[in-house]
Amino acid sequence: MASSTSPDNSSRQARIAEMRRAERSRDRRNAALAITASVAVAAALIGFGAWVLIDKKEKKDAAVVAAKAPVNGEQTWDAKTLGRNHVETPVKYPMNPPVGGDHNPRWMNCNGDVYKNAVPEVNAVHSLEHGAVWVTYNEKAAKGDVDALAGTVAKTPYTLMSPVKEQAGTIMLSAWGKQLTVDKADDPRVAQFFTKYVQGPQTPEPGAACTNGLAEK
């Protein structure tokens, strides 16, 4: 009896079987590539996450170190000798800009407020009592430095900035009982002063408001 399987049929079945083997091999290869890619992506994400955490910790540690380290060249006044009474009368301060003392019951808004004109000292001192850093400058300050400081202040709660024509230093930073004089905005002590004294340990009334006070007219 003749075989029911013709040479052509056998050849076709062999080609089909070979195609199926090739397809299975391709599927296994694609699966392996997908797994490898997934592992690589997962490893990259884990690595990036770890880097972010390490970066955050390093920045936090640096901020802690900056907050503890003394600011080179700063002046300090004994907080116990600085009055804190609320008064409606003018106050004569022994330093310019003042870093503390009796002051007006209303504070200057200090939520990153940049004032183009001079502000009343008696109101700004009240802002310092709330933990603000007050950035001031005179006519010697370069426009680029003034703009750079204004940008920093504008994005930093519990800060304010205004010109003080009569001050001795080109740029001065004041907190309650603390003051620093610099010539340029990029002096690294500026960032250190902000880190140390914005709502810093010198603050007589930490957490007190820096909004709903006196604004520039």
N, C-alpha and C. Protein backbone atom coordinates (compact mmCIF):
# COMPACT_ATOMS: atom_id res chain seq x y z
N MET A 1 0.87 -1.19 0.00
CA MET A 1 0.00 0.00 0.00
C MET A 1 0.90 1.24 0.00
N ALA A 2 0.55 2.23 -0.81
CA ALA A 2 1.36 3.46 -0.92
C ALA A 2 1.16 4.34 0.31
N SER A 3 2.20 5.03 0.70
CA SER A 3 2.10 5.94 1.85
C SER A 3 1.15 7.08 1.54
N SER A 4 0.31 7.49 2.59
CA SER A 4 -0.65 8.57 2.41
C SER A 4 0.01 9.95 2.51
N THR A 5 1.27 9.96 2.95
CA THR A 5 1.99 11.24 3.10
C THR A 5 2.88 11.45 1.89
N SER A 6 2.56 12.49 1.14
CA SER A 6 3.33 12.78 -0.06
C SER A 6 4.58 13.56 0.32
N PRO A 7 5.60 13.51 -0.55
CA PRO A 7 6.82 14.27 -0.26
C PRO A 7 6.53 15.76 -0.05
N ASP A 8 5.59 16.32 -0.86
CA ASP A 8 5.28 17.75 -0.71
C ASP A 8 4.64 18.05 0.65
N ASN A 9 3.73 17.14 1.06
CA ASN A 9 3.06 17.34 2.35
C ASN A 9 4.04 17.26 3.51
N SER A 10 4.96 16.31 3.42
CA SER A 10 5.98 16.15 4.46
C SER A 10 6.86 17.39 4.53
N SER A 11 7.22 17.94 3.39
CA SER A 11 8.07 19.13 3.34
C SER A 11 7.35 20.32 3.95
N ARG A 12 6.04 20.43 3.64
CA ARG A 12 5.27 21.54 4.18
C ARG A 12 5.17 21.45 5.69
N GLN A 13 4.91 20.25 6.20
CA GLN A 13 4.82 20.06 7.65
C GLN A 13 6.16 20.36 8.34
N ALA A 14 7.23 20.00 7.66
CA ALA A 14 8.55 20.27 8.22
C ALA A 14 8.79 21.77 8.31
N ARG A 15 8.38 22.51 7.25
CA ARG A 15 8.55 23.96 7.25
C ARG A 15 7.71 24.61 8.36
N ILE A 16 6.47 24.08 8.53
CA ILE A 16 5.59 24.61 9.59
C ILE A 16 6.22 24.39 10.96
N ALA A 17 6.75 23.15 11.15
CA ALA A 17 7.39 22.83 12.43
C ALA A 17 8.59 23.73 12.68
N GLU A 18 9.38 23.98 11.61
CA GLU A 18 10.54 24.85 11.75
C GLU A 18 10.13 26.28 12.07
N MET A 19 9.04 26.74 11.42
CA MET A 19 8.54 28.08 11.70
C MET A 19 8.06 28.22 13.14
N ARG A 20 7.41 27.17 13.64
CA ARG A 20 6.94 27.19 15.02
C ARG A 20 8.10 27.22 16.01
N ARG A 21 9.14 26.42 15.68
CA ARG A 21 10.33 26.43 16.54
C ARG A 21 10.98 27.82 16.54
N ALA A 22 11.07 28.41 15.36
CA ALA A 22 11.66 29.74 15.25
C ALA A 22 10.84 30.77 16.02
N GLU A 23 9.50 30.64 15.94
CA GLU A 23 8.62 31.56 16.65
C GLU A 23 8.77 31.42 18.15
N ARG A 24 8.85 30.14 18.62
CA ARG A 24 9.04 29.92 20.06
C ARG A 24 10.39 30.48 20.52
N SER A 25 11.41 30.29 19.68
CA SER A 25 12.74 30.80 20.01
C SER A 25 12.72 32.33 20.08
N ARG A 26 12.01 32.96 19.10
CA ARG A 26 11.91 34.42 19.09
C ARG A 26 11.15 34.92 20.31
N ASP A 27 10.08 34.19 20.68
CA ASP A 27 9.30 34.60 21.86
C ASP A 27 10.15 34.51 23.11
N ARG A 28 10.96 33.43 23.22
CA ARG A 28 11.82 33.29 24.41
C ARG A 28 12.87 34.40 24.45
N ARG A 29 13.41 34.73 23.25
CA ARG A 29 14.41 35.80 23.18
C ARG A 29 13.81 37.15 23.55
N ASN A 30 12.61 37.43 23.02
CA ASN A 30 11.93 38.68 23.34
C ASN A 30 11.59 38.78 24.83
N ALA A 31 11.15 37.63 25.39
CA ALA A 31 10.84 37.61 26.82
C ALA A 31 12.08 37.88 27.65
N ALA A 32 13.21 37.28 27.23
CA ALA A 32 14.46 37.49 27.95
C ALA A 32 14.89 38.95 27.86
N LEU A 33 14.74 39.53 26.65
CA LEU A 33 15.09 40.94 26.49
C LEU A 33 14.21 41.84 27.34
N ALA A 34 12.90 41.52 27.40
CA ALA A 34 11.96 42.30 28.19
C ALA A 34 12.31 42.24 29.67
N ILE A 35 12.65 41.03 30.13
CA ILE A 35 13.02 40.85 31.53
C ILE A 35 14.30 41.63 31.84
N THR A 36 15.28 41.54 30.92
CA THR A 36 16.54 42.25 31.12
C THR A 36 16.30 43.76 31.18
N ALA A 37 15.45 44.26 30.25
CA ALA A 37 15.15 45.69 30.24
C ALA A 37 14.44 46.11 31.51
N SER A 38 13.49 45.27 31.96
CA SER A 38 12.76 45.59 33.18
C SER A 38 13.69 45.65 34.39
N VAL A 39 14.60 44.68 34.44
CA VAL A 39 15.57 44.65 35.54
C VAL A 39 16.44 45.90 35.50
N ALA A 40 16.87 46.29 34.28
CA ALA A 40 17.71 47.47 34.14
C ALA A 40 16.98 48.73 34.57
N VAL A 41 15.70 48.85 34.15
CA VAL A 41 14.90 50.01 34.53
C VAL A 41 14.69 50.05 36.04
N ALA A 42 14.36 48.87 36.61
CA ALA A 42 14.15 48.81 38.06
C ALA A 42 15.43 49.18 38.81
N ALA A 43 16.57 48.68 38.30
CA ALA A 43 17.83 49.00 38.95
C ALA A 43 18.13 50.49 38.86
N ALA A 44 17.81 51.07 37.67
CA ALA A 44 18.03 52.50 37.50
C ALA A 44 17.15 53.31 38.44
N LEU A 45 15.88 52.91 38.56
CA LEU A 45 14.96 53.61 39.45
C LEU A 45 15.41 53.50 40.90
N ILE A 46 15.82 52.31 41.28
CA ILE A 46 16.31 52.10 42.65
C ILE A 46 17.55 52.96 42.89
N GLY A 47 18.45 52.95 41.88
CA GLY A 47 19.66 53.74 42.00
C GLY A 47 19.37 55.23 42.10
N PHE A 48 18.41 55.70 41.28
CA PHE A 48 18.04 57.11 41.30
C PHE A 48 17.39 57.47 42.63
N GLY A 49 16.50 56.57 43.10
CA GLY A 49 15.85 56.81 44.39
C GLY A 49 16.86 56.89 45.52
N ALA A 50 17.84 55.98 45.48
CA ALA A 50 18.87 56.00 46.51
C ALA A 50 19.69 57.29 46.42
N TRP A 51 19.98 57.72 45.18
CA TRP A 51 20.74 58.96 45.00
C TRP A 51 19.98 60.15 45.54
N VAL A 52 18.66 60.18 45.27
CA VAL A 52 17.82 61.28 45.77
C VAL A 52 17.84 61.32 47.29
N LEU A 53 17.69 60.15 47.90
CA LEU A 53 17.70 60.08 49.37
C LEU A 53 19.04 60.52 49.93
N ILE A 54 20.12 60.06 49.29
CA ILE A 54 21.46 60.43 49.75
C ILE A 54 21.67 61.93 49.58
N ASP A 55 21.22 62.46 48.42
CA ASP A 55 21.37 63.90 48.15
C ASP A 55 20.60 64.72 49.18
N LYS A 56 19.36 64.28 49.49
CA LYS A 56 18.55 64.99 50.49
C LYS A 56 19.23 64.97 51.85
N LYS A 57 19.76 63.80 52.21
CA LYS A 57 20.41 63.68 53.52
C LYS A 57 21.66 64.56 53.58
N GLU A 58 22.43 64.58 52.47
CA GLU A 58 23.63 65.40 52.47
C GLU A 58 23.29 66.88 52.60
N LYS A 59 22.21 67.31 51.89
CA LYS A 59 21.79 68.71 51.98
C LYS A 59 21.29 69.04 53.38
N LYS A 60 20.55 68.09 53.98
CA LYS A 60 20.05 68.31 55.34
C LYS A 60 21.20 68.39 56.32
N ASP A 61 22.18 67.48 56.16
CA ASP A 61 23.34 67.50 57.04
C ASP A 61 24.12 68.80 56.88
N ALA A 62 24.25 69.26 55.62
CA ALA A 62 24.97 70.51 55.37
C ALA A 62 24.25 71.68 56.02
N ALA A 63 22.91 71.67 55.95
CA ALA A 63 22.13 72.74 56.57
C ALA A 63 22.30 72.74 58.08
N VAL A 64 22.35 71.54 58.68
CA VAL A 64 22.55 71.43 60.12
C VAL A 64 23.91 71.98 60.52
N VAL A 65 24.93 71.63 59.72
CA VAL A 65 26.28 72.12 60.00
C VAL A 65 26.32 73.64 59.88
N ALA A 66 25.69 74.16 58.80
CA ALA A 66 25.67 75.62 58.59
C ALA A 66 24.94 76.33 59.71
N ALA A 67 23.87 75.70 60.21
CA ALA A 67 23.08 76.32 61.28
C ALA A 67 23.85 76.37 62.59
N LYS A 68 24.76 75.43 62.79
CA LYS A 68 25.51 75.37 64.04
C LYS A 68 26.80 76.20 63.98
N ALA A 69 27.37 76.32 62.78
CA ALA A 69 28.64 77.01 62.65
C ALA A 69 28.47 78.52 62.80
N PRO A 70 29.42 79.19 63.43
CA PRO A 70 29.35 80.65 63.54
C PRO A 70 29.53 81.29 62.17
N VAL A 71 28.85 82.41 61.95
CA VAL A 71 28.99 83.15 60.69
C VAL A 71 30.17 84.10 60.83
N ASN A 72 31.19 83.87 60.05
CA ASN A 72 32.41 84.67 60.15
C ASN A 72 32.12 86.15 59.90
N GLY A 73 32.49 87.00 60.84
CA GLY A 73 32.35 88.44 60.67
C GLY A 73 31.04 89.01 61.17
N GLU A 74 30.14 88.19 61.66
CA GLU A 74 28.86 88.73 62.13
C GLU A 74 29.04 89.47 63.46
N GLN A 75 28.18 90.44 63.70
CA GLN A 75 28.12 91.13 64.98
C GLN A 75 26.95 90.58 65.79
N THR A 76 27.15 90.51 67.09
CA THR A 76 26.12 89.96 67.96
C THR A 76 25.86 90.92 69.12
N TRP A 77 24.59 91.10 69.45
CA TRP A 77 24.18 91.89 70.60
C TRP A 77 23.47 90.99 71.61
N ASP A 78 23.66 91.27 72.86
CA ASP A 78 23.02 90.49 73.91
C ASP A 78 21.51 90.71 73.85
N ALA A 79 20.78 89.65 73.57
CA ALA A 79 19.32 89.76 73.42
C ALA A 79 18.66 90.30 74.68
N LYS A 80 19.27 90.05 75.84
CA LYS A 80 18.68 90.49 77.10
C LYS A 80 18.67 92.02 77.22
N THR A 81 19.55 92.67 76.47
CA THR A 81 19.63 94.13 76.56
C THR A 81 18.77 94.82 75.51
N LEU A 82 18.17 94.04 74.60
CA LEU A 82 17.33 94.61 73.56
C LEU A 82 15.88 94.66 74.03
N GLY A 83 15.32 95.86 74.09
CA GLY A 83 13.93 95.98 74.53
C GLY A 83 12.97 95.29 73.57
N ARG A 84 11.81 94.92 74.10
CA ARG A 84 10.80 94.27 73.27
C ARG A 84 9.40 94.85 73.51
N ASN A 85 9.37 96.08 74.00
CA ASN A 85 8.07 96.70 74.27
C ASN A 85 7.42 97.19 72.99
N HIS A 86 6.10 97.14 72.96
CA HIS A 86 5.34 97.71 71.85
C HIS A 86 5.07 99.18 72.16
N VAL A 87 5.52 100.04 71.26
CA VAL A 87 5.37 101.48 71.50
C VAL A 87 4.83 102.14 70.24
N GLU A 88 4.14 103.23 70.42
CA GLU A 88 3.59 103.99 69.30
C GLU A 88 4.45 105.22 68.99
N THR A 89 5.50 105.41 69.75
CA THR A 89 6.37 106.58 69.59
C THR A 89 7.63 106.20 68.82
N PRO A 90 8.34 107.17 68.26
CA PRO A 90 9.61 106.87 67.57
C PRO A 90 10.62 106.24 68.53
N VAL A 91 11.49 105.42 67.97
CA VAL A 91 12.52 104.75 68.77
C VAL A 91 13.88 105.08 68.16
N LYS A 92 14.84 105.46 69.01
CA LYS A 92 16.20 105.72 68.54
C LYS A 92 17.03 104.46 68.79
N TYR A 93 17.48 103.85 67.73
CA TYR A 93 18.24 102.59 67.84
C TYR A 93 19.75 102.88 67.80
N PRO A 94 20.53 102.08 68.53
CA PRO A 94 21.98 102.32 68.58
C PRO A 94 22.74 101.76 67.38
N MET A 95 22.07 101.01 66.51
CA MET A 95 22.73 100.48 65.33
C MET A 95 21.82 100.72 64.11
N ASN A 96 22.44 100.73 62.93
CA ASN A 96 21.68 101.01 61.70
C ASN A 96 22.11 100.01 60.60
N PRO A 97 21.21 99.17 60.17
CA PRO A 97 19.81 98.98 60.60
C PRO A 97 19.75 98.38 62.01
N PRO A 98 18.64 98.59 62.69
CA PRO A 98 18.50 98.02 64.04
C PRO A 98 18.31 96.51 64.00
N VAL A 99 18.75 95.85 65.07
CA VAL A 99 18.63 94.39 65.15
C VAL A 99 17.72 93.97 66.31
N GLY A 100 17.04 94.92 66.90
CA GLY A 100 16.16 94.61 68.02
C GLY A 100 15.87 95.87 68.81
N GLY A 101 14.98 95.75 69.76
CA GLY A 101 14.62 96.88 70.59
C GLY A 101 13.11 97.08 70.60
N ASP A 102 12.67 98.08 71.32
CA ASP A 102 11.25 98.40 71.34
C ASP A 102 10.79 98.70 69.91
N HIS A 103 9.52 98.41 69.63
CA HIS A 103 9.07 98.52 68.25
C HIS A 103 7.57 98.74 68.18
N ASN A 104 7.11 99.08 67.00
CA ASN A 104 5.69 99.32 66.75
C ASN A 104 4.90 98.01 66.88
N PRO A 105 3.64 98.08 67.32
CA PRO A 105 2.84 96.85 67.43
C PRO A 105 2.62 96.13 66.10
N ARG A 106 2.74 96.86 64.97
CA ARG A 106 2.57 96.21 63.66
C ARG A 106 3.93 95.87 63.07
N TRP A 107 4.03 94.70 62.48
CA TRP A 107 5.26 94.28 61.83
C TRP A 107 5.17 94.59 60.33
N MET A 108 6.33 94.69 59.70
CA MET A 108 6.35 94.75 58.24
C MET A 108 6.07 93.35 57.70
N ASN A 109 5.28 93.26 56.65
CA ASN A 109 5.12 91.96 56.01
C ASN A 109 6.49 91.41 55.62
N CYS A 110 6.73 90.17 55.96
CA CYS A 110 8.06 89.59 55.76
C CYS A 110 7.97 88.18 55.19
N ASN A 111 6.99 88.00 54.30
CA ASN A 111 6.82 86.70 53.65
C ASN A 111 7.51 86.72 52.29
N GLY A 112 8.82 87.04 52.32
CA GLY A 112 9.55 87.19 51.06
C GLY A 112 9.26 88.52 50.39
N ASP A 113 8.97 89.55 51.18
CA ASP A 113 8.58 90.85 50.63
C ASP A 113 9.82 91.69 50.27
N VAL A 114 9.85 92.17 49.04
CA VAL A 114 10.93 93.03 48.57
C VAL A 114 10.37 94.45 48.40
N TYR A 115 10.84 95.37 49.23
CA TYR A 115 10.36 96.75 49.21
C TYR A 115 11.32 97.62 48.41
N LYS A 116 10.78 98.42 47.52
CA LYS A 116 11.60 99.29 46.68
C LYS A 116 12.04 100.54 47.43
N ASN A 117 11.29 100.91 48.44
CA ASN A 117 11.60 102.11 49.22
C ASN A 117 11.92 101.74 50.66
N ALA A 118 12.51 102.69 51.38
CA ALA A 118 12.84 102.46 52.79
C ALA A 118 11.56 102.17 53.58
N VAL A 119 11.69 101.31 54.58
CA VAL A 119 10.55 100.95 55.42
C VAL A 119 10.79 101.47 56.83
N PRO A 120 9.72 101.69 57.61
CA PRO A 120 9.90 102.17 58.99
C PRO A 120 10.65 101.15 59.85
N GLU A 121 11.70 101.63 60.50
CA GLU A 121 12.50 100.73 61.33
C GLU A 121 11.68 100.07 62.43
N VAL A 122 10.78 100.83 63.03
CA VAL A 122 10.02 100.31 64.17
C VAL A 122 9.12 99.13 63.77
N ASN A 123 8.75 99.06 62.50
CA ASN A 123 7.94 97.94 62.01
C ASN A 123 8.83 96.77 61.59
N ALA A 124 9.96 97.08 60.97
CA ALA A 124 10.89 96.03 60.55
C ALA A 124 11.46 95.28 61.75
N VAL A 125 11.73 96.01 62.83
CA VAL A 125 12.25 95.34 64.04
C VAL A 125 11.23 94.34 64.57
N HIS A 126 9.96 94.68 64.47
CA HIS A 126 8.93 93.73 64.89
C HIS A 126 9.00 92.46 64.05
N SER A 127 9.32 92.59 62.76
CA SER A 127 9.48 91.42 61.89
C SER A 127 10.65 90.55 62.37
N LEU A 128 11.73 91.21 62.79
CA LEU A 128 12.88 90.45 63.32
C LEU A 128 12.47 89.66 64.56
N GLU A 129 11.62 90.26 65.38
CA GLU A 129 11.14 89.57 66.58
C GLU A 129 10.40 88.28 66.21
N HIS A 130 9.80 88.27 65.03
CA HIS A 130 9.06 87.08 64.56
C HIS A 130 9.96 86.07 63.87
N GLY A 131 11.26 86.36 63.80
CA GLY A 131 12.19 85.40 63.22
C GLY A 131 12.56 85.68 61.79
N ALA A 132 12.31 86.90 61.32
CA ALA A 132 12.65 87.25 59.93
C ALA A 132 14.11 87.69 59.82
N VAL A 133 14.64 87.53 58.62
CA VAL A 133 15.94 88.11 58.25
C VAL A 133 15.65 89.30 57.34
N TRP A 134 16.25 90.44 57.67
CA TRP A 134 16.03 91.69 56.94
C TRP A 134 17.28 92.00 56.14
N VAL A 135 17.15 92.00 54.81
CA VAL A 135 18.26 92.31 53.91
C VAL A 135 18.16 93.79 53.51
N THR A 136 19.23 94.53 53.71
CA THR A 136 19.25 95.95 53.36
C THR A 136 20.49 96.26 52.52
N TYR A 137 20.42 97.36 51.79
CA TYR A 137 21.54 97.74 50.91
C TYR A 137 21.54 99.25 50.74
N ASN A 138 22.71 99.80 50.39
CA ASN A 138 22.79 101.22 50.13
C ASN A 138 23.11 101.46 48.66
N GLU A 139 23.42 102.70 48.31
CA GLU A 139 23.61 103.07 46.90
C GLU A 139 24.87 102.48 46.29
N LYS A 140 25.76 101.95 47.11
CA LYS A 140 26.99 101.34 46.58
C LYS A 140 26.74 99.93 46.02
N ALA A 141 25.62 99.33 46.35
CA ALA A 141 25.34 97.97 45.92
C ALA A 141 25.09 97.93 44.41
N ALA A 142 25.72 96.97 43.74
CA ALA A 142 25.53 96.81 42.29
C ALA A 142 24.12 96.31 42.01
N LYS A 143 23.57 96.73 40.86
CA LYS A 143 22.21 96.33 40.51
C LYS A 143 22.09 94.81 40.43
N GLY A 144 23.12 94.15 39.89
CA GLY A 144 23.08 92.69 39.79
C GLY A 144 22.98 92.03 41.15
N ASP A 145 23.69 92.59 42.14
CA ASP A 145 23.63 92.05 43.50
C ASP A 145 22.27 92.29 44.13
N VAL A 146 21.72 93.48 43.90
CA VAL A 146 20.39 93.78 44.44
C VAL A 146 19.35 92.85 43.83
N ASP A 147 19.43 92.63 42.52
CA ASP A 147 18.48 91.73 41.85
C ASP A 147 18.62 90.30 42.36
N ALA A 148 19.86 89.85 42.55
CA ALA A 148 20.08 88.48 43.03
C ALA A 148 19.53 88.31 44.44
N LEU A 149 19.76 89.27 45.30
CA LEU A 149 19.24 89.20 46.67
C LEU A 149 17.71 89.26 46.67
N ALA A 150 17.15 90.10 45.81
CA ALA A 150 15.69 90.19 45.73
C ALA A 150 15.09 88.86 45.31
N GLY A 151 15.76 88.15 44.39
CA GLY A 151 15.28 86.84 43.97
C GLY A 151 15.31 85.83 45.11
N THR A 152 16.37 85.88 45.91
CA THR A 152 16.48 84.97 47.05
C THR A 152 15.42 85.27 48.09
N VAL A 153 15.25 86.55 48.39
CA VAL A 153 14.25 86.95 49.40
C VAL A 153 12.85 86.58 48.94
N ALA A 154 12.54 86.83 47.67
CA ALA A 154 11.19 86.60 47.16
C ALA A 154 10.73 85.15 47.30
N LYS A 155 11.66 84.22 47.34
CA LYS A 155 11.28 82.81 47.46
C LYS A 155 11.54 82.25 48.86
N THR A 156 11.80 83.14 49.82
CA THR A 156 12.12 82.69 51.18
C THR A 156 11.16 83.31 52.20
N PRO A 157 10.23 82.53 52.74
CA PRO A 157 9.36 83.06 53.80
C PRO A 157 10.19 83.54 55.00
N TYR A 158 9.63 84.47 55.74
CA TYR A 158 10.29 85.07 56.89
C TYR A 158 11.56 85.83 56.49
N THR A 159 11.46 86.55 55.38
CA THR A 159 12.52 87.48 54.98
C THR A 159 11.86 88.73 54.41
N LEU A 160 12.60 89.83 54.43
CA LEU A 160 12.19 91.05 53.77
C LEU A 160 13.43 91.79 53.32
N MET A 161 13.24 92.72 52.41
CA MET A 161 14.38 93.45 51.84
C MET A 161 13.97 94.87 51.54
N SER A 162 14.88 95.82 51.83
CA SER A 162 14.59 97.23 51.55
C SER A 162 15.90 98.01 51.51
N PRO A 163 15.90 99.16 50.85
CA PRO A 163 17.11 100.01 50.87
C PRO A 163 17.22 100.79 52.17
N VAL A 164 18.44 100.97 52.64
CA VAL A 164 18.72 101.84 53.79
C VAL A 164 19.90 102.72 53.38
N LYS A 165 19.62 103.90 52.96
CA LYS A 165 20.62 104.79 52.36
C LYS A 165 21.77 105.09 53.32
N GLU A 166 21.47 105.25 54.60
CA GLU A 166 22.49 105.72 55.55
C GLU A 166 23.32 104.59 56.17
N GLN A 167 23.06 103.35 55.84
CA GLN A 167 23.82 102.27 56.49
C GLN A 167 25.28 102.29 56.02
N ALA A 168 26.16 101.81 56.90
CA ALA A 168 27.59 101.85 56.62
C ALA A 168 28.02 100.82 55.58
N GLY A 169 27.43 99.62 55.66
CA GLY A 169 27.84 98.55 54.76
C GLY A 169 27.08 98.57 53.46
N THR A 170 27.69 98.01 52.41
CA THR A 170 27.03 97.95 51.11
C THR A 170 25.79 97.09 51.16
N ILE A 171 25.93 95.88 51.71
CA ILE A 171 24.81 94.96 51.89
C ILE A 171 24.87 94.47 53.34
N MET A 172 23.73 94.50 54.03
CA MET A 172 23.71 94.08 55.41
C MET A 172 22.53 93.15 55.65
N LEU A 173 22.75 92.11 56.42
CA LEU A 173 21.71 91.16 56.78
C LEU A 173 21.51 91.23 58.29
N SER A 174 20.26 91.40 58.70
CA SER A 174 19.97 91.55 60.13
C SER A 174 18.94 90.54 60.58
N ALA A 175 19.18 89.99 61.76
CA ALA A 175 18.22 89.15 62.48
C ALA A 175 18.19 89.69 63.90
N TRP A 176 17.33 89.15 64.73
CA TRP A 176 17.23 89.66 66.10
C TRP A 176 18.56 89.45 66.83
N GLY A 177 19.28 90.55 67.11
CA GLY A 177 20.55 90.47 67.82
C GLY A 177 21.73 90.06 66.96
N LYS A 178 21.54 89.94 65.64
CA LYS A 178 22.61 89.49 64.76
C LYS A 178 22.68 90.38 63.53
N GLN A 179 23.90 90.59 63.03
CA GLN A 179 24.03 91.40 61.82
C GLN A 179 25.33 91.03 61.08
N LEU A 180 25.23 90.99 59.76
CA LEU A 180 26.37 90.65 58.91
C LEU A 180 26.46 91.67 57.78
N THR A 181 27.68 92.12 57.49
CA THR A 181 27.93 93.04 56.38
C THR A 181 28.75 92.34 55.30
N VAL A 182 28.30 92.42 54.05
CA VAL A 182 29.03 91.84 52.92
C VAL A 182 29.06 92.86 51.78
N ASP A 183 29.92 92.60 50.81
CA ASP A 183 30.02 93.49 49.66
C ASP A 183 29.27 92.97 48.44
N LYS A 184 29.11 91.62 48.36
CA LYS A 184 28.52 91.01 47.17
C LYS A 184 27.45 90.00 47.56
N ALA A 185 26.48 89.83 46.66
CA ALA A 185 25.38 88.89 46.93
C ALA A 185 25.84 87.45 46.94
N ASP A 186 26.92 87.14 46.21
CA ASP A 186 27.36 85.75 46.13
C ASP A 186 28.33 85.35 47.25
N ASP A 187 28.49 86.23 48.23
CA ASP A 187 29.30 85.86 49.41
C ASP A 187 28.63 84.65 50.07
N PRO A 188 29.34 83.55 50.26
CA PRO A 188 28.73 82.33 50.83
C PRO A 188 28.13 82.54 52.21
N ARG A 189 28.53 83.57 52.91
CA ARG A 189 27.99 83.83 54.24
C ARG A 189 26.53 84.29 54.18
N VAL A 190 26.12 84.80 53.02
CA VAL A 190 24.72 85.22 52.88
C VAL A 190 23.81 84.01 53.05
N ALA A 191 24.10 82.94 52.31
CA ALA A 191 23.30 81.71 52.41
C ALA A 191 23.39 81.13 53.81
N GLN A 192 24.56 81.20 54.42
CA GLN A 192 24.72 80.68 55.78
C GLN A 192 23.88 81.47 56.77
N PHE A 193 23.86 82.79 56.61
CA PHE A 193 23.07 83.65 57.51
C PHE A 193 21.59 83.31 57.39
N PHE A 194 21.12 83.11 56.16
CA PHE A 194 19.72 82.73 55.95
C PHE A 194 19.43 81.39 56.64
N THR A 195 20.29 80.41 56.39
CA THR A 195 20.09 79.08 56.96
C THR A 195 20.05 79.12 58.48
N LYS A 196 20.92 79.94 59.05
CA LYS A 196 21.07 79.97 60.50
C LYS A 196 19.98 80.77 61.20
N TYR A 197 19.52 81.87 60.56
CA TYR A 197 18.69 82.81 61.31
C TYR A 197 17.26 83.00 60.81
N VAL A 198 16.90 82.49 59.66
CA VAL A 198 15.48 82.52 59.27
C VAL A 198 14.73 81.58 60.21
N GLN A 199 13.90 82.14 61.08
CA GLN A 199 13.24 81.36 62.14
C GLN A 199 14.26 80.59 62.97
N GLY A 200 15.41 81.21 63.19
CA GLY A 200 16.50 80.57 63.91
C GLY A 200 16.33 80.62 65.41
N PRO A 201 17.35 80.11 66.13
CA PRO A 201 17.26 80.01 67.60
C PRO A 201 17.24 81.37 68.29
N GLN A 202 17.61 82.43 67.59
CA GLN A 202 17.61 83.77 68.18
C GLN A 202 16.22 84.38 68.24
N THR A 203 15.24 83.75 67.57
CA THR A 203 13.91 84.32 67.41
C THR A 203 13.16 84.41 68.73
N PRO A 204 12.76 85.61 69.16
CA PRO A 204 11.99 85.73 70.40
C PRO A 204 10.58 85.13 70.30
N GLU A 205 9.97 85.25 69.11
CA GLU A 205 8.60 84.75 68.93
C GLU A 205 8.53 83.83 67.69
N PRO A 206 9.10 82.63 67.78
CA PRO A 206 9.10 81.74 66.62
C PRO A 206 7.69 81.36 66.20
N GLY A 207 7.47 81.36 64.89
CA GLY A 207 6.17 80.98 64.36
C GLY A 207 5.16 82.10 64.29
N ALA A 208 5.50 83.28 64.83
CA ALA A 208 4.58 84.40 64.75
C ALA A 208 4.43 84.85 63.29
N ALA A 209 3.33 85.52 62.99
CA ALA A 209 2.98 85.84 61.60
C ALA A 209 3.98 86.77 60.93
N CYS A 210 4.13 86.57 59.59
CA CYS A 210 4.90 87.51 58.77
C CYS A 210 4.01 88.07 57.66
N THR A 211 2.71 87.84 57.77
CA THR A 211 1.73 88.40 56.83
C THR A 211 0.71 89.20 57.64
N ASN A 212 -0.16 89.90 56.91
CA ASN A 212 -1.22 90.72 57.54
C ASN A 212 -0.64 91.82 58.44
N GLY A 213 0.57 92.25 58.09
CA GLY A 213 1.17 93.35 58.81
C GLY A 213 1.13 94.63 57.97
N LEU A 214 2.19 95.40 58.04
CA LEU A 214 2.27 96.64 57.28
C LEU A 214 2.92 96.36 55.94
N ALA A 215 2.31 96.84 54.86
CA ALA A 215 2.85 96.65 53.52
C ALA A 215 3.32 98.00 52.98
N GLU A 216 4.10 97.93 51.92
CA GLU A 216 4.58 99.16 51.29
C GLU A 216 3.43 99.95 50.70
N LYS A 217 3.41 101.25 50.93
CA LYS A 217 2.33 102.09 50.43
C LYS A 217 2.52 102.39 48.96
